[in-house]
Amino acid sequence: MRKNLLLLLGVFVFLSCKKSNSNDSGYTCPLNSATIGGLYKLTKVTKITIASGNVTEIDATTDINACELDDTYEFNSGSFLWTDAGTTCPGTVFSGTILWTLSGNNLTKDIQGYLPNPWNYIIMDDFIVQQFDCASIVLQKKVPQTATSESGVRYYLKRP
């Protein structure tokens, strides 16, 4: 009887233990080059304006060509691979691999030109990692600003 109670207690303790992973609300995924690594697909693009401390975010996903929305973006150790997957965009003949680095929450500017560009920005600022939870990442790209406002584009990417 005593062995059965100990066995039952052991099973209860084992089953009641909560395993941590990137989907648990209490789990924090560190932002670094290793955890960013992997394949992503674009889920949403927004245009943002920041004026007087207020952020206005407008969905711009419909401004992106359908042939760009099915592309994949892969962060490998030090290299970024863009693949024109699914429907090929007119004039696109290849995918591209470039180098990337992460410093704090700044992601190198070298990946610009590979993510869809609803405002046709040409500024050379880095991307800023706004959010990261191991399953998805939000990148913000600043575009030219005035003394009273700042504008940008946010890219919402998720692992397939």
Protein backbone atom coordinates (compact mmCIF):
# COMPACT_ATOMS: atom_id res chain seq x y z
CA MET A 1 0.00 0.00 0.00
CA ARG A 2 2.79 2.36 0.91
CA LYS A 3 4.57 1.72 -2.42
CA ASN A 4 1.35 2.46 -4.29
CA LEU A 5 0.96 5.79 -2.47
CA LEU A 6 4.57 6.76 -3.25
CA LEU A 7 4.10 5.75 -6.89
CA LEU A 8 0.86 7.70 -7.11
CA LEU A 9 2.50 10.73 -5.50
CA GLY A 10 5.44 10.50 -7.92
CA VAL A 11 3.11 10.31 -10.94
CA PHE A 12 1.10 13.27 -9.62
CA VAL A 13 4.23 15.40 -9.14
CA PHE A 14 5.52 14.44 -12.59
CA LEU A 15 2.24 15.30 -14.32
CA SER A 16 1.76 18.53 -12.43
CA CYS A 17 5.15 19.96 -13.41
CA LYS A 18 4.75 22.65 -16.04
CA LYS A 19 7.33 22.57 -18.78
CA SER A 20 8.59 25.97 -19.96
CA ASN A 21 8.77 26.80 -23.63
CA SER A 22 8.39 29.81 -25.88
CA ASN A 23 4.59 29.59 -25.74
CA ASP A 24 4.28 29.81 -21.96
CA SER A 25 3.39 33.29 -20.78
CA GLY A 26 6.09 33.21 -18.10
CA TYR A 27 8.91 32.21 -20.43
CA THR A 28 11.25 34.88 -21.74
CA CYS A 29 13.06 34.27 -24.99
CA PRO A 30 16.37 36.14 -25.07
CA LEU A 31 17.05 38.33 -28.09
CA ASN A 32 20.31 37.23 -29.67
CA SER A 33 21.65 36.01 -33.01
CA ALA A 34 21.09 32.35 -32.13
CA THR A 35 17.45 32.69 -31.06
CA ILE A 36 16.52 34.84 -34.07
CA GLY A 37 17.88 32.13 -36.37
CA GLY A 38 15.35 30.33 -38.51
CA LEU A 39 12.75 30.68 -41.24
CA TYR A 40 10.02 33.35 -41.20
CA LYS A 41 7.07 34.43 -43.31
CA LEU A 42 5.61 37.92 -43.41
CA THR A 43 2.19 38.12 -41.75
CA LYS A 44 1.57 41.87 -41.64
CA VAL A 45 3.08 45.21 -42.62
CA THR A 46 2.06 48.48 -40.98
CA LYS A 47 2.90 52.12 -41.52
CA ILE A 48 3.53 54.00 -38.30
CA THR A 49 3.63 57.66 -37.40
CA ILE A 50 4.84 58.93 -34.05
CA ALA A 51 3.86 62.53 -33.26
CA SER A 52 3.78 64.17 -29.83
CA GLY A 53 4.33 60.78 -28.22
CA ASN A 54 1.27 59.22 -29.87
CA VAL A 55 1.77 56.22 -32.16
CA THR A 56 -0.58 55.72 -35.10
CA GLU A 57 -0.27 52.35 -36.81
CA ILE A 58 -2.12 51.64 -40.07
CA ASP A 59 -2.24 48.20 -41.69
CA ALA A 60 -0.42 48.41 -45.02
CA THR A 61 -0.44 44.69 -45.82
CA THR A 62 -2.80 45.30 -48.75
CA ASP A 63 -0.22 47.72 -50.24
CA ILE A 64 2.18 44.77 -50.67
CA ASN A 65 2.07 42.68 -53.84
CA ALA A 66 0.63 39.20 -53.28
CA CYS A 67 3.77 37.72 -54.83
CA GLU A 68 5.82 39.31 -52.01
CA LEU A 69 3.58 38.12 -49.18
CA ASP A 70 4.46 34.46 -49.76
CA ASP A 71 8.25 34.99 -49.67
CA THR A 72 10.38 33.48 -46.94
CA TYR A 73 13.13 35.09 -44.88
CA GLU A 74 15.74 32.96 -43.17
CA PHE A 75 18.21 34.17 -40.57
CA ASN A 76 21.15 31.78 -40.41
CA SER A 77 24.35 32.30 -38.47
CA GLY A 78 25.46 35.64 -39.90
CA SER A 79 23.59 35.30 -43.20
CA PHE A 80 20.10 36.28 -44.31
CA LEU A 81 18.42 34.35 -47.12
CA TRP A 82 15.46 35.84 -48.95
CA THR A 83 13.53 33.43 -51.17
CA ASP A 84 10.89 34.52 -53.68
CA ALA A 85 8.72 31.55 -52.74
CA GLY A 86 5.30 30.62 -54.09
CA THR A 87 4.17 33.14 -56.70
CA THR A 88 7.20 34.70 -58.37
CA CYS A 89 7.12 38.48 -58.69
CA PRO A 90 7.58 39.86 -62.22
CA GLY A 91 11.21 40.71 -62.85
CA THR A 92 12.47 38.56 -59.98
CA VAL A 93 14.98 36.04 -61.23
CA PHE A 94 16.73 34.91 -58.06
CA SER A 95 16.74 34.94 -54.32
CA GLY A 96 19.49 36.62 -52.35
CA THR A 97 21.78 35.88 -49.45
CA ILE A 98 23.41 38.70 -47.51
CA LEU A 99 25.17 39.14 -44.18
CA TRP A 100 23.43 40.44 -41.05
CA THR A 101 24.35 41.38 -37.51
CA LEU A 102 22.44 42.11 -34.32
CA SER A 103 23.69 44.65 -31.82
CA GLY A 104 21.33 45.09 -28.88
CA ASN A 105 17.98 45.44 -30.62
CA ASN A 106 19.47 46.94 -33.80
CA LEU A 107 19.42 44.67 -36.82
CA THR A 108 21.79 45.61 -39.63
CA LYS A 109 20.49 47.71 -42.50
CA ASP A 110 21.88 45.22 -45.03
CA ILE A 111 18.57 43.31 -45.13
CA GLN A 112 16.70 46.33 -46.52
CA GLY A 113 15.65 45.86 -50.10
CA TYR A 114 14.65 42.30 -49.33
CA LEU A 115 11.56 43.06 -47.24
CA PRO A 116 8.55 44.60 -49.07
CA ASN A 117 8.72 48.37 -49.15
CA PRO A 118 5.31 50.11 -49.20
CA TRP A 119 6.83 53.59 -48.87
CA ASN A 120 9.84 53.04 -51.12
CA TYR A 121 12.14 54.28 -48.37
CA ILE A 122 15.80 54.82 -49.15
CA ILE A 123 17.11 55.73 -45.70
CA MET A 124 20.01 53.63 -44.49
CA ASP A 125 19.07 53.25 -40.80
CA ASP A 126 19.15 49.86 -39.14
CA PHE A 127 16.01 47.90 -38.40
CA ILE A 128 14.97 47.88 -34.75
CA VAL A 129 13.64 44.69 -33.19
CA GLN A 130 10.41 45.93 -31.56
CA GLN A 131 9.22 42.53 -30.28
CA PHE A 132 10.61 39.02 -30.20
CA ASP A 133 9.22 35.86 -28.61
CA CYS A 134 11.08 33.03 -30.40
CA ALA A 135 8.02 32.28 -32.58
CA SER A 136 7.71 35.73 -34.14
CA ILE A 137 9.58 38.98 -34.58
CA VAL A 138 8.50 42.56 -35.26
CA LEU A 139 11.02 44.73 -37.10
CA GLN A 140 10.66 48.49 -37.41
CA LYS A 141 12.26 50.51 -40.16
CA LYS A 142 12.44 54.27 -39.74
CA VAL A 143 11.86 56.49 -42.74
CA PRO A 144 12.64 60.21 -43.16
CA GLN A 145 11.17 62.29 -40.38
CA THR A 146 10.44 65.91 -39.53
CA ALA A 147 11.20 67.80 -36.35
CA THR A 148 7.70 67.05 -35.02
CA SER A 149 7.01 63.53 -36.21
CA GLU A 150 8.66 60.24 -37.05
CA SER A 151 7.44 57.66 -39.52
CA GLY A 152 8.27 54.06 -40.20
CA VAL A 153 7.26 50.63 -41.34
CA ARG A 154 6.76 47.61 -39.07
CA TYR A 155 7.19 44.10 -40.37
CA TYR A 156 5.48 41.28 -38.49
CA LEU A 157 7.20 37.97 -39.25
CA LYS A 158 6.28 34.56 -37.88
CA ARG A 159 7.87 31.15 -38.06
CA PRO A 160 5.79 28.82 -40.29
